[in-house]
């Protein structure tokens, strides 16, 4: 089936509970697998919720016992909530599926969205998602008056940023001039059809991320579009821009199966 369908499930006062959205993903996924519907992107906001991908470690979860929803996507723990635009592209891909190419397409649409607002973002090798790059390490302000050469997040295996206050909080990464993630991506592919997707921080309260180790990354933080632009930006303003770039990237992509390199016979 051709074309790309967008479904706006709910925002603001109509934010969609995580379980409801997950159930709808599975329903749409089954319909897409049977070719009953075209590729579909569910767009929504969630009420505050922590979700943990399959690789989440115990020492990355909230310390205070806050409930976490364990899900079947890749990646680690993250937060969803007000001010964050969540997108679940449910797309049929040729087999064998090229998961990395799908992730790169989602990143590209969000990078273009940020660029339209005058914010330069990029990818970081080995880390999925969309990033605002910090200053070079040697020019960043020292944490707690210490040289970054002794940053305990990198040198002390027992150091826990969740216990060490605002100096190490992910929400303050911009003040520390560190790399900070503005959009996270975590997906699953079942029967050649994608599920889950991206969360784009438009104007959330990023302090929610301080209770976890976001995406399992200890030496970087989180950002928002409103925070980086230093002005108010709303989900309603950003929504059509994200839709336009997703449509352009996903509809015009030349989908190809993943190339499997065969080991020559001895």
Protein backbone atom coordinates (compact mmCIF):
# COMPACT_ATOMS: atom_id res chain seq x y z
CA UNK A 1 0.00 0.00 0.00
CA UNK A 2 1.26 3.49 -0.80
CA UNK A 3 1.11 6.70 1.17
CA UNK A 4 1.70 7.49 4.80
CA UNK A 5 -1.14 8.01 7.27
CA UNK A 6 -0.87 10.17 10.40
CA UNK A 7 -3.13 9.59 13.39
CA UNK A 8 -3.15 12.27 16.10
CA UNK A 9 -4.21 10.26 19.13
CA UNK A 10 -4.29 12.91 21.85
CA UNK A 11 -2.43 15.84 23.39
CA UNK A 12 -2.60 18.05 26.46
CA UNK A 13 -5.72 17.26 28.45
CA UNK A 14 -6.31 14.35 26.05
CA UNK A 15 -2.85 12.83 26.54
CA UNK A 16 -2.89 9.07 25.96
CA UNK A 17 -2.08 6.60 28.71
CA UNK A 18 0.92 4.46 27.79
CA UNK A 19 -0.95 1.14 27.93
CA UNK A 20 -3.70 2.48 25.66
CA UNK A 21 -1.15 3.62 23.10
CA UNK A 22 0.70 0.30 23.31
CA UNK A 23 -2.53 -1.61 22.69
CA UNK A 24 -3.27 0.63 19.71
CA UNK A 25 0.22 0.06 18.35
CA UNK A 26 -0.35 -3.69 18.40
CA UNK A 27 -3.72 -3.34 16.69
CA UNK A 28 -2.31 -1.12 13.95
CA UNK A 29 0.75 -3.36 13.62
CA UNK A 30 -1.45 -6.42 12.95
CA UNK A 31 -3.51 -4.50 10.39
CA UNK A 32 -0.38 -3.25 8.63
CA UNK A 33 1.09 -6.74 8.50
CA UNK A 34 -2.11 -7.94 6.76
CA UNK A 35 -1.95 -4.95 4.34
CA UNK A 36 -5.32 -3.73 5.57
CA UNK A 37 -3.95 -0.20 6.12
CA UNK A 38 -1.02 1.88 4.82
CA UNK A 39 2.08 2.75 6.83
CA UNK A 40 0.83 4.70 9.84
CA UNK A 41 2.40 7.11 12.32
CA UNK A 42 0.68 7.50 15.68
CA UNK A 43 1.41 10.90 17.24
CA UNK A 44 0.59 11.81 20.84
CA UNK A 45 1.59 12.99 24.27
CA UNK A 46 1.70 10.68 27.28
CA UNK A 47 0.97 11.49 30.92
CA UNK A 48 4.23 11.15 32.92
CA UNK A 49 5.60 7.61 32.66
CA UNK A 50 8.96 5.84 32.72
CA UNK A 51 9.44 3.04 30.20
CA UNK A 52 12.32 0.58 30.13
CA UNK A 53 13.61 -1.19 27.04
CA UNK A 54 15.03 -4.68 27.16
CA UNK A 55 18.60 -3.58 27.94
CA UNK A 56 17.77 -1.47 31.00
CA UNK A 57 19.92 -2.25 34.05
CA UNK A 58 18.59 -2.14 37.61
CA UNK A 59 20.94 0.69 38.54
CA UNK A 60 19.43 2.94 35.86
CA UNK A 61 15.87 2.90 37.26
CA UNK A 62 14.37 5.42 39.73
CA UNK A 63 15.77 5.07 43.23
CA UNK A 64 12.47 5.89 44.94
CA UNK A 65 10.53 2.95 43.55
CA UNK A 66 8.58 4.99 41.00
CA UNK A 67 6.75 2.52 38.73
CA UNK A 68 8.41 1.69 35.42
CA UNK A 69 6.68 0.07 32.45
CA UNK A 70 8.88 -2.63 30.92
CA UNK A 71 8.41 -2.72 27.16
CA UNK A 72 9.53 -4.84 24.23
CA UNK A 73 11.48 -2.17 22.34
CA UNK A 74 15.23 -1.85 22.09
CA UNK A 75 17.21 0.63 24.12
CA UNK A 76 17.10 1.42 27.83
CA UNK A 77 15.03 3.50 30.22
CA UNK A 78 13.49 6.86 29.34
CA UNK A 79 10.67 9.17 30.37
CA UNK A 80 7.58 10.28 28.47
CA UNK A 81 5.27 13.08 29.51
CA UNK A 82 3.77 16.52 28.90
CA UNK A 83 5.69 18.69 26.48
CA UNK A 84 7.18 15.72 24.65
CA UNK A 85 5.96 14.73 21.20
CA UNK A 86 5.91 10.94 20.85
CA UNK A 87 5.69 9.23 17.48
CA UNK A 88 5.12 5.55 16.74
CA UNK A 89 5.77 4.89 13.02
CA UNK A 90 4.27 1.52 12.07
CA UNK A 91 5.85 0.77 8.72
CA UNK A 92 6.32 -2.37 6.68
CA UNK A 93 9.95 -2.86 5.62
CA UNK A 94 11.49 -5.28 3.13
CA UNK A 95 13.13 -8.34 4.63
CA UNK A 96 15.73 -8.92 5.87
CA UNK A 97 14.94 -5.71 7.74
CA UNK A 98 17.54 -2.94 7.93
CA UNK A 99 16.82 -1.65 11.44
CA UNK A 100 19.68 0.86 11.43
CA UNK A 101 18.42 2.47 8.22
CA UNK A 102 14.97 2.89 9.79
CA UNK A 103 16.46 4.57 12.86
CA UNK A 104 18.54 6.87 10.66
CA UNK A 105 15.41 7.96 8.76
CA UNK A 106 13.63 8.91 11.98
CA UNK A 107 16.70 10.81 13.14
CA UNK A 108 16.87 12.64 9.82
CA UNK A 109 13.26 13.85 10.03
CA UNK A 110 13.85 15.25 13.52
CA UNK A 111 17.20 16.81 12.59
CA UNK A 112 15.41 18.62 9.75
CA UNK A 113 12.67 19.73 12.13
CA UNK A 114 15.21 21.26 14.53
CA UNK A 115 17.02 22.92 11.62
CA UNK A 116 13.77 24.60 10.57
CA UNK A 117 13.77 26.26 13.98
CA UNK A 118 17.38 27.34 13.60
CA UNK A 119 18.76 24.70 15.97
CA UNK A 120 21.69 22.64 14.75
CA UNK A 121 21.51 19.01 15.84
CA UNK A 122 23.32 15.88 14.79
CA UNK A 123 23.92 12.19 15.39
CA UNK A 124 26.53 10.89 17.81
CA UNK A 125 28.39 7.76 16.78
CA UNK A 126 27.38 4.77 18.87
CA UNK A 127 24.40 6.60 20.41
CA UNK A 128 21.02 6.64 18.70
CA UNK A 129 18.78 9.69 18.72
CA UNK A 130 19.23 13.37 17.91
CA UNK A 131 21.79 15.42 19.82
CA UNK A 132 22.80 18.98 20.55
CA UNK A 133 26.57 18.90 20.76
CA UNK A 134 28.31 20.45 23.73
CA UNK A 135 31.55 22.38 23.82
CA UNK A 136 34.89 20.56 23.51
CA UNK A 137 35.74 18.89 26.80
CA UNK A 138 38.75 21.11 27.44
CA UNK A 139 36.62 24.29 27.30
CA UNK A 140 33.67 23.17 29.42
CA UNK A 141 33.24 24.52 32.96
CA UNK A 142 34.56 22.17 35.61
CA UNK A 143 31.99 20.20 37.59
CA UNK A 144 32.14 21.00 41.29
CA UNK A 145 35.39 22.86 40.77
CA UNK A 146 37.15 19.68 39.61
CA UNK A 147 38.92 19.12 36.34
CA UNK A 148 36.86 17.08 33.90
CA UNK A 149 39.83 14.72 33.76
CA UNK A 150 38.51 13.51 37.11
CA UNK A 151 34.81 13.41 36.21
CA UNK A 152 33.58 10.64 38.57
CA UNK A 153 30.87 9.60 36.12
CA UNK A 154 33.61 8.20 33.93
CA UNK A 155 36.21 7.06 36.45
CA UNK A 156 34.24 5.74 39.42
CA UNK A 157 32.17 2.63 38.79
CA UNK A 158 30.20 3.20 42.00
CA UNK A 159 29.37 6.85 41.31
CA UNK A 160 25.65 7.41 40.84
CA UNK A 161 24.53 10.74 39.32
CA UNK A 162 21.01 10.13 40.65
CA UNK A 163 22.37 10.72 44.18
CA UNK A 164 24.63 13.69 43.54
CA UNK A 165 22.39 16.65 43.00
CA UNK A 166 22.03 19.28 40.28
CA UNK A 167 25.72 19.42 39.40
CA UNK A 168 25.37 16.04 37.69
CA UNK A 169 21.67 16.13 36.78
CA UNK A 170 20.90 15.26 33.13
CA UNK A 171 18.53 18.24 32.95
CA UNK A 172 21.46 20.61 33.57
CA UNK A 173 23.68 19.29 30.78
CA UNK A 174 23.16 22.49 28.79
CA UNK A 175 24.56 24.59 31.65
CA UNK A 176 27.56 22.27 31.76
CA UNK A 177 27.89 22.64 27.96
CA UNK A 178 27.79 18.86 27.52
CA UNK A 179 26.25 16.82 24.72
CA UNK A 180 22.53 16.51 25.31
CA UNK A 181 19.85 14.44 23.65
CA UNK A 182 16.79 16.24 22.32
CA UNK A 183 15.10 13.19 20.78
CA UNK A 184 15.35 9.55 21.79
CA UNK A 185 14.63 6.60 19.51
CA UNK A 186 13.80 3.03 20.45
CA UNK A 187 12.12 0.59 18.09
CA UNK A 188 11.08 -2.99 17.64
CA UNK A 189 10.50 -4.85 14.38
CA UNK A 190 8.13 -7.82 14.34
CA UNK A 191 7.14 -9.69 11.19
CA UNK A 192 8.89 -7.02 9.13
CA UNK A 193 6.75 -4.20 10.59
CA UNK A 194 8.14 -1.51 12.90
CA UNK A 195 6.76 -0.51 16.31
CA UNK A 196 7.63 2.08 18.95
CA UNK A 197 9.62 5.03 17.62
CA UNK A 198 10.75 8.45 18.87
CA UNK A 199 10.20 10.95 21.66
CA UNK A 200 11.01 14.58 20.85
CA UNK A 201 11.49 16.99 23.75
CA UNK A 202 9.61 20.11 22.71
CA UNK A 203 8.96 21.85 26.05
CA UNK A 204 8.87 19.25 28.85
CA UNK A 205 10.09 19.58 32.43
CA UNK A 206 13.39 17.79 31.91
CA UNK A 207 13.85 17.32 35.65
CA UNK A 208 11.85 14.11 35.25
CA UNK A 209 14.99 12.65 33.65
CA UNK A 210 17.04 13.35 36.80
CA UNK A 211 15.47 10.39 38.60
CA UNK A 212 16.90 7.87 36.12
CA UNK A 213 19.98 7.31 33.97
CA UNK A 214 18.38 8.35 30.66
CA UNK A 215 19.06 5.77 27.98
CA UNK A 216 21.79 4.40 30.28
CA UNK A 217 24.13 7.27 29.37
CA UNK A 218 25.97 8.77 32.35
CA UNK A 219 28.21 11.38 30.73
CA UNK A 220 25.61 13.38 28.80
CA UNK A 221 22.17 14.82 29.40
CA UNK A 222 18.90 15.92 27.87
CA UNK A 223 17.69 19.01 26.04
CA UNK A 224 14.45 20.51 24.79
CA UNK A 225 13.63 22.61 21.76
CA UNK A 226 12.18 25.39 23.92
CA UNK A 227 15.20 25.33 26.22
CA UNK A 228 17.73 25.51 23.43
CA UNK A 229 15.85 28.30 21.65
CA UNK A 230 15.18 30.09 24.95
CA UNK A 231 11.56 30.75 24.02
CA UNK A 232 8.20 29.08 24.32
CA UNK A 233 7.49 26.39 21.75
CA UNK A 234 4.35 24.26 21.84
CA UNK A 235 3.49 20.77 20.67
CA UNK A 236 0.78 22.26 18.48
CA UNK A 237 3.33 24.46 16.73
CA UNK A 238 5.82 21.66 16.15
CA UNK A 239 3.38 18.90 15.21
CA UNK A 240 2.78 19.84 11.53
CA UNK A 241 6.49 20.48 11.02
CA UNK A 242 7.39 17.01 12.29
CA UNK A 243 4.64 15.45 10.15
CA UNK A 244 5.93 17.19 7.05
CA UNK A 245 9.50 16.04 7.53
CA UNK A 246 8.46 12.50 8.45
CA UNK A 247 6.35 12.32 5.30
CA UNK A 248 9.19 13.61 3.15
CA UNK A 249 11.77 11.23 4.63
CA UNK A 250 9.65 8.09 4.96
CA UNK A 251 7.68 8.35 1.72
CA UNK A 252 10.71 9.21 -0.40
CA UNK A 253 13.09 6.67 1.12
CA UNK A 254 14.28 3.93 -1.18
CA UNK A 255 13.58 0.96 1.05
CA UNK A 256 16.02 -1.87 0.57
CA UNK A 257 16.53 -5.15 2.42
CA UNK A 258 19.55 -5.39 4.65
CA UNK A 259 22.59 -6.70 2.82
CA UNK A 260 23.84 -9.92 4.36
CA UNK A 261 27.49 -10.57 3.73
CA UNK A 262 28.19 -14.21 3.18
CA UNK A 263 31.38 -15.74 4.49
CA UNK A 264 33.33 -17.24 1.58
CA UNK A 265 33.62 -21.00 1.68
CA UNK A 266 37.02 -22.18 2.83
